[in-house]
Amino acid sequence: MKDTTILRLEHGEASVEISPGLGGTILRYGWRGVPILRPSDGLPDIARLAACYPLLPFSNRLAQGRLAFGGKVYPIPRTVDYAALPMHGLAWQRPWRVESQTSSSATLIQDYTPEGEPPAWPFPYAARQTFTLDDAGLHMTLSMHNTGTAPQPAGLGWHPYFPRTPQTRIWASVGEMWVNDDANLPMYLEPALAALASGIQAEHTDYDNVFRGFGGRAGVAWPERGVAVTLHADATFSHVVLFTPPGKPHLAVEPVSHMTDAFNRYSAAGGRAAAGHDRDTGTTVLAPGQTLTGSISLQPSTLRDAGIA
């Protein structure tokens, strides 16, 4: 039976609604009556129609529908009906449980053990998400704990959708951009558009690219509404994906811990199944009992307070 529980958090002029059963997703985040995230239409049937969903144990696509790690190759099933390659991990496809809740905060947990043939992912883990509203906005923490007996690759991220109006502007502190092939897998690096650092109009952009060297700050501004939101991310999120599909009423700014297809690239470059972090791809390898954790904040404000007006 579908879990229709919705958690509502409130603080001051902000509110958040979360669906534990629908992949631990955010359904709505509003501030002063303005949607900061693209609001869901009720409780959607699938998590990717929510306002924001967690990415774990990997972000974006896996080349050839497989994971190469530790000298083995594991087939990874497709995760969405519109893409030939597995995308965005497991966390958003499975229900989460409420560990604790207050009027302005909530903690969700999810445990995964491989099952089926092939399993959705070959390694067991325990995940945790926390959400807290305060005067500075919405704070979110995501962690992945290796509950198995062998090292495993680990990645984190979120996929927040933001409303896209005719005047919407986006900006991000980034390094280089990975240019994609026809399967949306990275081919080569090129300099990011210089104007992205100060803000570009989203209406005519067509990004579905991962950027490395993420400086931990990005933002979306809606001049028609007089509102902006600034995304702050900690150092775990060394990459960010910008997704601005033409003609759609939404866009996404996705803080992630690694590049697209990072684990396969790490292995192809000779990366070992030993605990550590690879700066080139963003791959983290967790030893049994180790945890990867990352946090972000979404801080809404007026345009003037954001330094835009």
C-alpha atoms as a PDB file:
ATOM      1  CA  MET A   1       0.000   0.000   0.000  1.00  0.00           C
ATOM      2  CA  LYS A   2       1.292   3.445  -0.938  1.00  0.00           C
ATOM      3  CA  ASP A   3       2.501   5.507   2.011  1.00  0.00           C
ATOM      4  CA  THR A   4       0.737   8.870   1.720  1.00  0.00           C
ATOM      5  CA  THR A   5       2.267  10.397   4.866  1.00  0.00           C
ATOM      6  CA  ILE A   6       3.316  14.024   4.363  1.00  0.00           C
ATOM      7  CA  LEU A   7       5.513  15.776   6.921  1.00  0.00           C
ATOM      8  CA  ARG A   8       5.016  19.533   7.177  1.00  0.00           C
ATOM      9  CA  LEU A   9       7.772  21.689   8.662  1.00  0.00           C
ATOM     10  CA  GLU A  10       7.301  25.376   9.452  1.00  0.00           C
ATOM     11  CA  HIS A  11       9.459  28.217  10.660  1.00  0.00           C
ATOM     12  CA  GLY A  12       8.606  31.899  10.392  1.00  0.00           C
ATOM     13  CA  GLU A  13       7.473  32.613   6.839  1.00  0.00           C
ATOM     14  CA  ALA A  14       8.734  29.322   5.401  1.00  0.00           C
ATOM     15  CA  SER A  15       7.228  25.857   5.096  1.00  0.00           C
ATOM     16  CA  VAL A  16       8.365  22.520   3.677  1.00  0.00           C
ATOM     17  CA  GLU A  17       6.383  19.383   2.876  1.00  0.00           C
ATOM     18  CA  ILE A  18       8.197  16.033   2.674  1.00  0.00           C
ATOM     19  CA  SER A  19       7.050  12.593   1.542  1.00  0.00           C
ATOM     20  CA  PRO A  20       9.016   9.810   3.272  1.00  0.00           C
ATOM     21  CA  GLY A  21       7.214   7.091   1.313  1.00  0.00           C
ATOM     22  CA  LEU A  22       7.853   8.681  -2.091  1.00  0.00           C
ATOM     23  CA  GLY A  23      11.617   8.323  -2.045  1.00  0.00           C
ATOM     24  CA  GLY A  24      12.239  10.757   0.809  1.00  0.00           C
ATOM     25  CA  THR A  25      11.350  13.647  -1.492  1.00  0.00           C
ATOM     26  CA  ILE A  26      10.440  17.274  -0.922  1.00  0.00           C
ATOM     27  CA  LEU A  27       7.028  18.077  -2.361  1.00  0.00           C
ATOM     28  CA  ARG A  28       6.958  21.818  -1.674  1.00  0.00           C
ATOM     29  CA  TYR A  29       9.168  24.554  -0.225  1.00  0.00           C
ATOM     30  CA  GLY A  30       7.679  28.023   0.047  1.00  0.00           C
ATOM     31  CA  TRP A  31       8.764  31.337   1.537  1.00  0.00           C
ATOM     32  CA  ARG A  32       6.460  34.323   2.020  1.00  0.00           C
ATOM     33  CA  GLY A  33       3.900  32.548  -0.142  1.00  0.00           C
ATOM     34  CA  VAL A  34       6.337  32.134  -3.059  1.00  0.00           C
ATOM     35  CA  PRO A  35       7.334  28.640  -4.274  1.00  0.00           C
ATOM     36  CA  ILE A  36      11.120  28.317  -3.969  1.00  0.00           C
ATOM     37  CA  LEU A  37      11.137  24.804  -5.382  1.00  0.00           C
ATOM     38  CA  ARG A  38       8.862  23.667  -8.197  1.00  0.00           C
ATOM     39  CA  PRO A  39       5.772  22.575  -6.256  1.00  0.00           C
ATOM     40  CA  SER A  40       4.454  19.068  -6.762  1.00  0.00           C
ATOM     41  CA  ASP A  41       0.895  18.563  -7.921  1.00  0.00           C
ATOM     42  CA  GLY A  42      -0.441  16.853  -4.820  1.00  0.00           C
ATOM     43  CA  LEU A  43       1.404  13.617  -4.091  1.00  0.00           C
ATOM     44  CA  PRO A  44       2.872  12.422  -7.407  1.00  0.00           C
ATOM     45  CA  ASP A  45       2.930   8.786  -8.434  1.00  0.00           C
ATOM     46  CA  ILE A  46       6.678   8.904  -9.104  1.00  0.00           C
ATOM     47  CA  ALA A  47       9.463  10.615  -7.181  1.00  0.00           C
ATOM     48  CA  ARG A  48      11.016  12.400 -10.154  1.00  0.00           C
ATOM     49  CA  LEU A  49       7.884  14.588 -10.325  1.00  0.00           C
ATOM     50  CA  ALA A  50       8.543  15.850  -6.795  1.00  0.00           C
ATOM     51  CA  ALA A  51      10.195  19.185  -6.018  1.00  0.00           C
ATOM     52  CA  CYS A  52      13.490  17.617  -4.925  1.00  0.00           C
ATOM     53  CA  TYR A  53      14.815  14.089  -4.528  1.00  0.00           C
ATOM     54  CA  PRO A  54      18.005  12.562  -3.084  1.00  0.00           C
ATOM     55  CA  LEU A  55      20.745  11.086  -5.275  1.00  0.00           C
ATOM     56  CA  LEU A  56      22.478   8.082  -3.712  1.00  0.00           C
ATOM     57  CA  PRO A  57      24.636   5.992  -4.130  1.00  0.00           C
ATOM     58  CA  PHE A  58      25.410   7.756  -7.419  1.00  0.00           C
ATOM     59  CA  SER A  59      24.374  10.785  -9.440  1.00  0.00           C
ATOM     60  CA  ASN A  60      23.419  10.948 -13.092  1.00  0.00           C
ATOM     61  CA  ARG A  61      24.178   8.125 -15.547  1.00  0.00           C
ATOM     62  CA  LEU A  62      26.272   4.947 -15.563  1.00  0.00           C
ATOM     63  CA  ALA A  63      27.821   4.161 -18.948  1.00  0.00           C
ATOM     64  CA  GLN A  64      26.737   0.918 -20.627  1.00  0.00           C
ATOM     65  CA  GLY A  65      24.388   0.175 -17.733  1.00  0.00           C
ATOM     66  CA  ARG A  66      27.098  -1.317 -15.596  1.00  0.00           C
ATOM     67  CA  LEU A  67      29.412  -0.640 -12.670  1.00  0.00           C
ATOM     68  CA  ALA A  68      33.087  -1.572 -12.900  1.00  0.00           C
ATOM     69  CA  PHE A  69      34.679  -1.715  -9.454  1.00  0.00           C
ATOM     70  CA  GLY A  70      37.247  -3.823  -7.658  1.00  0.00           C
ATOM     71  CA  GLY A  71      38.033  -5.923 -10.715  1.00  0.00           C
ATOM     72  CA  LYS A  72      34.401  -6.920 -11.235  1.00  0.00           C
ATOM     73  CA  VAL A  73      31.659  -5.666 -13.557  1.00  0.00           C
ATOM     74  CA  TYR A  74      28.110  -5.475 -12.212  1.00  0.00           C
ATOM     75  CA  PRO A  75      25.054  -4.965 -14.461  1.00  0.00           C
ATOM     76  CA  ILE A  76      22.888  -2.125 -13.138  1.00  0.00           C
ATOM     77  CA  PRO A  77      19.207  -2.111 -14.199  1.00  0.00           C
ATOM     78  CA  ARG A  78      17.554   0.939 -15.711  1.00  0.00           C
ATOM     79  CA  THR A  79      15.951   3.249 -13.195  1.00  0.00           C
ATOM     80  CA  VAL A  80      13.653   5.407 -15.352  1.00  0.00           C
ATOM     81  CA  ASP A  81      11.501   4.649 -18.371  1.00  0.00           C
ATOM     82  CA  TYR A  82      12.723   7.602 -20.441  1.00  0.00           C
ATOM     83  CA  ALA A  83      16.476   6.837 -20.352  1.00  0.00           C
ATOM     84  CA  ALA A  84      18.413   3.839 -21.590  1.00  0.00           C
ATOM     85  CA  LEU A  85      21.024   4.130 -18.834  1.00  0.00           C
ATOM     86  CA  PRO A  86      20.537   3.828 -15.055  1.00  0.00           C
ATOM     87  CA  MET A  87      20.198   7.271 -13.488  1.00  0.00           C
ATOM     88  CA  HIS A  88      20.471   8.897 -10.069  1.00  0.00           C
ATOM     89  CA  GLY A  89      20.866   5.847  -7.869  1.00  0.00           C
ATOM     90  CA  LEU A  90      18.360   4.108  -5.637  1.00  0.00           C
ATOM     91  CA  ALA A  91      17.464   6.397  -2.735  1.00  0.00           C
ATOM     92  CA  TRP A  92      14.654   8.198  -4.552  1.00  0.00           C
ATOM     93  CA  GLN A  93      13.107   4.939  -5.780  1.00  0.00           C
ATOM     94  CA  ARG A  94      12.559   3.423  -2.340  1.00  0.00           C
ATOM     95  CA  PRO A  95      10.628   4.530   0.734  1.00  0.00           C
ATOM     96  CA  TRP A  96      12.301   6.140   3.715  1.00  0.00           C
ATOM     97  CA  ARG A  97      11.282   5.883   7.375  1.00  0.00           C
ATOM     98  CA  VAL A  98      10.786   8.749   9.809  1.00  0.00           C
ATOM     99  CA  GLU A  99      13.331   8.554  12.604  1.00  0.00           C
ATOM    100  CA  SER A 100      12.376  11.841  14.287  1.00  0.00           C
ATOM    101  CA  GLN A 101      10.373  15.012  13.687  1.00  0.00           C
ATOM    102  CA  THR A 102       9.763  18.386  15.315  1.00  0.00           C
ATOM    103  CA  SER A 103       7.768  21.357  14.072  1.00  0.00           C
ATOM    104  CA  SER A 104      10.750  22.595  12.040  1.00  0.00           C
ATOM    105  CA  SER A 105      12.929  19.523  11.447  1.00  0.00           C
ATOM    106  CA  ALA A 106      12.797  15.879  10.396  1.00  0.00           C
ATOM    107  CA  THR A 107      15.189  12.976  10.007  1.00  0.00           C
ATOM    108  CA  LEU A 108      14.567  10.132   7.570  1.00  0.00           C
ATOM    109  CA  ILE A 109      16.440   6.844   7.228  1.00  0.00           C
ATOM    110  CA  GLN A 110      16.684   4.159   4.576  1.00  0.00           C
ATOM    111  CA  ASP A 111      18.396   0.763   4.649  1.00  0.00           C
ATOM    112  CA  TYR A 112      19.303  -1.166   1.526  1.00  0.00           C
ATOM    113  CA  THR A 113      20.380  -4.786   1.101  1.00  0.00           C
ATOM    114  CA  PRO A 114      21.015  -6.210  -2.391  1.00  0.00           C
ATOM    115  CA  GLU A 115      18.305  -8.548  -3.605  1.00  0.00           C
ATOM    116  CA  GLY A 116      17.124  -9.915  -6.937  1.00  0.00           C
ATOM    117  CA  GLU A 117      19.223 -10.864  -9.961  1.00  0.00           C
ATOM    118  CA  PRO A 118      20.767  -8.587 -10.842  1.00  0.00           C
ATOM    119  CA  PRO A 119      20.261  -6.420  -7.765  1.00  0.00           C
ATOM    120  CA  ALA A 120      19.544  -2.742  -8.212  1.00  0.00           C
ATOM    121  CA  TRP A 121      22.943  -2.075  -6.580  1.00  0.00           C
ATOM    122  CA  PRO A 122      25.534  -4.659  -5.506  1.00  0.00           C
ATOM    123  CA  PHE A 123      26.444  -3.137  -2.122  1.00  0.00           C
ATOM    124  CA  PRO A 124      24.445  -2.650   1.100  1.00  0.00           C
ATOM    125  CA  TYR A 125      24.181   0.740   2.761  1.00  0.00           C
ATOM    126  CA  ALA A 126      22.291   2.792   5.328  1.00  0.00           C
ATOM    127  CA  ALA A 127      21.251   6.321   4.342  1.00  0.00           C
ATOM    128  CA  ARG A 128      20.087   9.276   6.398  1.00  0.00           C
ATOM    129  CA  GLN A 129      18.488  12.601   5.414  1.00  0.00           C
ATOM    130  CA  THR A 130      17.861  15.533   7.735  1.00  0.00           C
ATOM    131  CA  PHE A 131      15.810  18.651   7.004  1.00  0.00           C
ATOM    132  CA  THR A 132      15.818  21.756   9.211  1.00  0.00           C
ATOM    133  CA  LEU A 133      14.098  25.113   8.728  1.00  0.00           C
ATOM    134  CA  ASP A 134      15.427  28.205  10.517  1.00  0.00           C
ATOM    135  CA  ASP A 135      15.875  31.922   9.899  1.00  0.00           C
ATOM    136  CA  ALA A 136      18.606  31.201   7.332  1.00  0.00           C
ATOM    137  CA  GLY A 137      16.497  28.857   5.203  1.00  0.00           C
ATOM    138  CA  LEU A 138      16.276  25.128   4.609  1.00  0.00           C
ATOM    139  CA  HIS A 139      19.261  23.017   5.668  1.00  0.00           C
ATOM    140  CA  MET A 140      19.658  19.462   4.374  1.00  0.00           C
ATOM    141  CA  THR A 141      22.183  16.749   5.195  1.00  0.00           C
ATOM    142  CA  LEU A 142      22.560  13.437   3.386  1.00  0.00           C
ATOM    143  CA  SER A 143      24.776  10.534   4.429  1.00  0.00           C
ATOM    144  CA  MET A 144      25.622   7.051   3.204  1.00  0.00           C
ATOM    145  CA  HIS A 145      27.086   4.422   5.539  1.00  0.00           C
ATOM    146  CA  ASN A 146      28.772   1.254   4.288  1.00  0.00           C
ATOM    147  CA  THR A 147      27.007  -1.569   6.140  1.00  0.00           C
ATOM    148  CA  GLY A 148      28.740  -4.301   4.137  1.00  0.00           C
ATOM    149  CA  THR A 149      31.932  -6.272   4.589  1.00  0.00           C
ATOM    150  CA  ALA A 150      33.802  -4.922   1.536  1.00  0.00           C
ATOM    151  CA  PRO A 151      34.779  -1.474   0.222  1.00  0.00           C
ATOM    152  CA  GLN A 152      32.190   0.196  -1.990  1.00  0.00           C
ATOM    153  CA  PRO A 153      31.963   3.337  -4.159  1.00  0.00           C
ATOM    154  CA  ALA A 154      29.760   6.089  -2.789  1.00  0.00           C
ATOM    155  CA  GLY A 155      28.210   9.280  -4.109  1.00  0.00           C
ATOM    156  CA  LEU A 156      25.717  11.862  -2.869  1.00  0.00           C
ATOM    157  CA  GLY A 157      23.607  14.650  -4.263  1.00  0.00           C
ATOM    158  CA  TRP A 158      20.200  16.242  -4.564  1.00  0.00           C
ATOM    159  CA  HIS A 159      18.033  17.035  -7.563  1.00  0.00           C
ATOM    160  CA  PRO A 160      16.118  20.217  -6.658  1.00  0.00           C
ATOM    161  CA  TYR A 161      13.794  21.627  -9.324  1.00  0.00           C
ATOM    162  CA  PHE A 162      13.181  25.368  -9.365  1.00  0.00           C
ATOM    163  CA  PRO A 163      10.392  27.272 -11.142  1.00  0.00           C
ATOM    164  CA  ARG A 164      11.432  28.730 -14.506  1.00  0.00           C
ATOM    165  CA  THR A 165       9.827  32.029 -15.434  1.00  0.00           C
ATOM    166  CA  PRO A 166      10.606  34.178 -18.505  1.00  0.00           C
ATOM    167  CA  GLN A 167      13.011  36.378 -16.502  1.00  0.00           C
ATOM    168  CA  THR A 168      14.623  33.655 -14.375  1.00  0.00           C
ATOM    169  CA  ARG A 169      18.370  34.000 -13.934  1.00  0.00           C
ATOM    170  CA  ILE A 170      20.818  31.372 -12.688  1.00  0.00           C
ATOM    171  CA  TRP A 171      24.386  31.650 -11.491  1.00  0.00           C
ATOM    172  CA  ALA A 172      27.011  29.277 -10.147  1.00  0.00           C
ATOM    173  CA  SER A 173      30.610  29.322  -8.970  1.00  0.00           C
ATOM    174  CA  VAL A 174      32.149  26.610 -11.146  1.00  0.00           C
ATOM    175  CA  GLY A 175      35.294  25.524 -12.915  1.00  0.00           C
ATOM    176  CA  GLU A 176      35.137  23.688 -16.224  1.00  0.00           C
ATOM    177  CA  MET A 177      32.129  22.074 -17.897  1.00  0.00           C
ATOM    178  CA  TRP A 178      32.005  18.510 -19.196  1.00  0.00           C
ATOM    179  CA  VAL A 179      30.657  18.426 -22.760  1.00  0.00           C
ATOM    180  CA  ASN A 180      28.407  15.420 -23.350  1.00  0.00           C
ATOM    181  CA  ASP A 181      28.072  12.857 -26.097  1.00  0.00           C
ATOM    182  CA  ASP A 182      24.718  11.749 -27.514  1.00  0.00           C
ATOM    183  CA  ALA A 183      24.122   9.542 -24.446  1.00  0.00           C
ATOM    184  CA  ASN A 184      24.699  12.532 -22.114  1.00  0.00           C
ATOM    185  CA  LEU A 185      27.990  11.065 -20.904  1.00  0.00           C
ATOM    186  CA  PRO A 186      31.025  13.361 -20.477  1.00  0.00           C
ATOM    187  CA  MET A 187      33.485  13.537 -23.390  1.00  0.00           C
ATOM    188  CA  TYR A 188      35.816  16.477 -22.771  1.00  0.00           C
ATOM    189  CA  LEU A 189      36.196  19.609 -20.688  1.00  0.00           C
ATOM    190  CA  GLU A 190      35.772  23.186 -21.814  1.00  0.00           C
ATOM    191  CA  PRO A 191      35.725  26.483 -19.908  1.00  0.00           C
ATOM    192  CA  ALA A 192      32.397  27.358 -18.357  1.00  0.00           C
ATOM    193  CA  LEU A 193      30.564  30.371 -19.739  1.00  0.00           C
ATOM    194  CA  ALA A 194      32.167  33.332 -17.949  1.00  0.00           C
ATOM    195  CA  ALA A 195      28.808  35.066 -17.449  1.00  0.00           C
ATOM    196  CA  LEU A 196      27.588  32.119 -15.390  1.00  0.00           C
ATOM    197  CA  ALA A 197      29.565  33.474 -12.433  1.00  0.00           C
ATOM    198  CA  SER A 198      27.390  36.601 -12.262  1.00  0.00           C
ATOM    199  CA  GLY A 199      24.148  35.265 -13.724  1.00  0.00           C
ATOM    200  CA  ILE A 200      22.613  34.354 -17.065  1.00  0.00           C
ATOM    201  CA  GLN A 201      19.031  34.333 -18.257  1.00  0.00           C
ATOM    202  CA  ALA A 202      17.718  30.769 -18.094  1.00  0.00           C
ATOM    203  CA  GLU A 203      15.055  31.043 -20.792  1.00  0.00           C
ATOM    204  CA  HIS A 204      17.393  30.412 -23.714  1.00  0.00           C
ATOM    205  CA  THR A 205      19.813  27.954 -22.096  1.00  0.00           C
ATOM    206  CA  ASP A 206      19.969  24.223 -22.733  1.00  0.00           C
ATOM    207  CA  TYR A 207      22.194  22.644 -20.118  1.00  0.00           C
ATOM    208  CA  ASP A 208      22.308  19.040 -19.005  1.00  0.00           C
ATOM    209  CA  ASN A 209      25.941  19.163 -17.964  1.00  0.00           C
ATOM    210  CA  VAL A 210      28.099  18.511 -14.953  1.00  0.00           C
ATOM    211  CA  PHE A 211      30.640  21.139 -13.889  1.00  0.00           C
ATOM    212  CA  ARG A 212      33.697  20.403 -11.812  1.00  0.00           C
ATOM    213  CA  GLY A 213      35.363  22.774  -9.365  1.00  0.00           C
ATOM    214  CA  PHE A 214      32.054  23.751  -7.794  1.00  0.00           C
ATOM    215  CA  GLY A 215      32.734  26.558  -5.345  1.00  0.00           C
ATOM    216  CA  GLY A 216      29.790  25.693  -3.136  1.00  0.00           C
ATOM    217  CA  ARG A 217      27.557  28.596  -4.153  1.00  0.00           C
ATOM    218  CA  ALA A 218      24.861  28.883  -6.814  1.00  0.00           C
ATOM    219  CA  GLY A 219      21.552  30.655  -7.121  1.00  0.00           C
ATOM    220  CA  VAL A 220      18.300  31.282  -8.936  1.00  0.00           C
ATOM    221  CA  ALA A 221      16.580  34.666  -9.152  1.00  0.00           C
ATOM    222  CA  TRP A 222      13.052  35.511 -10.265  1.00  0.00           C
ATOM    223  CA  PRO A 223      12.905  39.269 -11.019  1.00  0.00           C
ATOM    224  CA  GLU A 224       9.141  39.157 -11.692  1.00  0.00           C
ATOM    225  CA  ARG A 225       8.608  37.879  -8.166  1.00  0.00           C
ATOM    226  CA  GLY A 226      11.276  39.932  -6.439  1.00  0.00           C
ATOM    227  CA  VAL A 227      12.716  36.773  -4.893  1.00  0.00           C
ATOM    228  CA  ALA A 228      15.939  34.771  -5.163  1.00  0.00           C
ATOM    229  CA  VAL A 229      17.381  31.664  -3.564  1.00  0.00           C
ATOM    230  CA  THR A 230      21.060  30.989  -2.855  1.00  0.00           C
ATOM    231  CA  LEU A 231      22.330  27.429  -2.636  1.00  0.00           C
ATOM    232  CA  HIS A 232      25.246  26.848  -0.264  1.00  0.00           C
ATOM    233  CA  ALA A 233      27.013  23.467  -0.378  1.00  0.00           C
ATOM    234  CA  ASP A 234      29.855  22.064   1.685  1.00  0.00           C
ATOM    235  CA  ALA A 235      33.099  20.691   0.261  1.00  0.00           C
ATOM    236  CA  THR A 236      31.645  17.180  -0.244  1.00  0.00           C
ATOM    237  CA  PHE A 237      29.854  18.575  -3.290  1.00  0.00           C
ATOM    238  CA  SER A 238      32.773  19.216  -5.638  1.00  0.00           C
ATOM    239  CA  HIS A 239      30.542  19.132  -8.718  1.00  0.00           C
ATOM    240  CA  VAL A 240      27.216  20.620  -9.780  1.00  0.00           C
ATOM    241  CA  VAL A 241      24.818  19.691 -12.586  1.00  0.00           C
ATOM    242  CA  LEU A 242      22.840  22.396 -14.377  1.00  0.00           C
ATOM    243  CA  PHE A 243      19.707  21.143 -16.105  1.00  0.00           C
ATOM    244  CA  THR A 244      17.720  23.705 -18.091  1.00  0.00           C
ATOM    245  CA  PRO A 245      15.570  21.800 -20.614  1.00  0.00           C
ATOM    246  CA  PRO A 246      14.180  24.120 -23.320  1.00  0.00           C
ATOM    247  CA  GLY A 247      10.482  24.876 -23.117  1.00  0.00           C
ATOM    248  CA  LYS A 248      10.035  23.396 -19.645  1.00  0.00           C
ATOM    249  CA  PRO A 249       8.637  25.422 -16.703  1.00  0.00           C
ATOM    250  CA  HIS A 250      11.450  24.244 -14.442  1.00  0.00           C
ATOM    251  CA  LEU A 251      15.215  23.918 -14.157  1.00  0.00           C
ATOM    252  CA  ALA A 252      17.533  22.125 -11.764  1.00  0.00           C
ATOM    253  CA  VAL A 253      20.754  23.027  -9.965  1.00  0.00           C
ATOM    254  CA  GLU A 254      22.057  19.743  -8.579  1.00  0.00           C
ATOM    255  CA  PRO A 255      24.924  19.710  -6.057  1.00  0.00           C
ATOM    256  CA  VAL A 256      26.713  16.348  -6.385  1.00  0.00           C
ATOM    257  CA  SER A 257      29.853  14.766  -5.001  1.00  0.00           C
ATOM    258  CA  HIS A 258      31.194  13.404  -8.286  1.00  0.00           C
ATOM    259  CA  MET A 259      31.116  13.703 -12.056  1.00  0.00           C
ATOM    260  CA  THR A 260      28.808  11.673 -14.276  1.00  0.00           C
ATOM    261  CA  ASP A 261      29.918   8.018 -14.585  1.00  0.00           C
ATOM    262  CA  ALA A 262      32.592   8.693 -11.978  1.00  0.00           C
ATOM    263  CA  PHE A 263      32.930   5.152 -10.626  1.00  0.00           C
ATOM    264  CA  ASN A 264      33.547   3.565 -14.030  1.00  0.00           C
ATOM    265  CA  ARG A 265      36.054   6.265 -14.932  1.00  0.00           C
ATOM    266  CA  TYR A 266      37.814   5.804 -11.617  1.00  0.00           C
ATOM    267  CA  SER A 267      38.192   2.075 -12.236  1.00  0.00           C
ATOM    268  CA  ALA A 268      39.254   2.576 -15.870  1.00  0.00           C
ATOM    269  CA  ALA A 269      42.040   4.888 -14.674  1.00  0.00           C
ATOM    270  CA  GLY A 270      43.353   2.198 -12.333  1.00  0.00           C
ATOM    271  CA  GLY A 271      41.485   3.248  -9.194  1.00  0.00           C
ATOM    272  CA  ARG A 272      41.579   0.587  -6.485  1.00  0.00           C
ATOM    273  CA  ALA A 273      38.829  -0.736  -4.228  1.00  0.00           C
ATOM    274  CA  ALA A 274      40.506   0.854  -1.213  1.00  0.00           C
ATOM    275  CA  ALA A 275      39.142   3.567   1.068  1.00  0.00           C
ATOM    276  CA  GLY A 276      39.845   7.081  -0.118  1.00  0.00           C
ATOM    277  CA  HIS A 277      38.763   9.914  -2.380  1.00  0.00           C
ATOM    278  CA  ASP A 278      39.677  10.577  -6.008  1.00  0.00           C
ATOM    279  CA  ARG A 279      39.738  14.294  -6.825  1.00  0.00           C
ATOM    280  CA  ASP A 280      39.663  13.798 -10.604  1.00  0.00           C
ATOM    281  CA  THR A 281      36.299  12.018 -10.711  1.00  0.00           C
ATOM    282  CA  GLY A 282      34.937  12.786  -7.237  1.00  0.00           C
ATOM    283  CA  THR A 283      34.697   9.052  -6.463  1.00  0.00           C
ATOM    284  CA  THR A 284      34.714   8.170  -2.775  1.00  0.00           C
ATOM    285  CA  VAL A 285      35.429   4.603  -1.703  1.00  0.00           C
ATOM    286  CA  LEU A 286      34.071   3.706   1.717  1.00  0.00           C
ATOM    287  CA  ALA A 287      35.616   0.950   3.798  1.00  0.00           C
ATOM    288  CA  PRO A 288      33.193  -1.162   5.850  1.00  0.00           C
ATOM    289  CA  GLY A 289      31.768   1.022   8.602  1.00  0.00           C
ATOM    290  CA  GLN A 290      32.736   4.320   6.945  1.00  0.00           C
ATOM    291  CA  THR A 291      30.262   7.124   6.137  1.00  0.00           C
ATOM    292  CA  LEU A 292      30.112   9.834   3.462  1.00  0.00           C
ATOM    293  CA  THR A 293      28.179  12.960   4.482  1.00  0.00           C
ATOM    294  CA  GLY A 294      27.317  16.228   2.754  1.00  0.00           C
ATOM    295  CA  SER A 295      25.155  19.261   3.567  1.00  0.00           C
ATOM    296  CA  ILE A 296      23.515  22.076   1.626  1.00  0.00           C
ATOM    297  CA  SER A 297      21.309  25.061   2.443  1.00  0.00           C
ATOM    298  CA  LEU A 298      18.681  26.817   0.355  1.00  0.00           C
ATOM    299  CA  GLN A 299      18.463  30.434   1.503  1.00  0.00           C
ATOM    300  CA  PRO A 300      15.560  32.467   0.048  1.00  0.00           C
ATOM    301  CA  SER A 301      15.679  36.260   0.093  1.00  0.00           C
ATOM    302  CA  THR A 302      14.517  39.367  -1.690  1.00  0.00           C
ATOM    303  CA  LEU A 303      16.476  40.372  -4.768  1.00  0.00           C
ATOM    304  CA  ARG A 304      17.964  43.303  -2.858  1.00  0.00           C
ATOM    305  CA  ASP A 305      19.162  41.121  -0.008  1.00  0.00           C
ATOM    306  CA  ALA A 306      20.688  38.745  -2.545  1.00  0.00           C
ATOM    307  CA  GLY A 307      22.643  41.654  -4.018  1.00  0.00           C
ATOM    308  CA  ILE A 308      20.773  41.514  -7.317  1.00  0.00           C
ATOM    309  CA  ALA A 309      18.471  44.533  -7.186  1.00  0.00           C
END
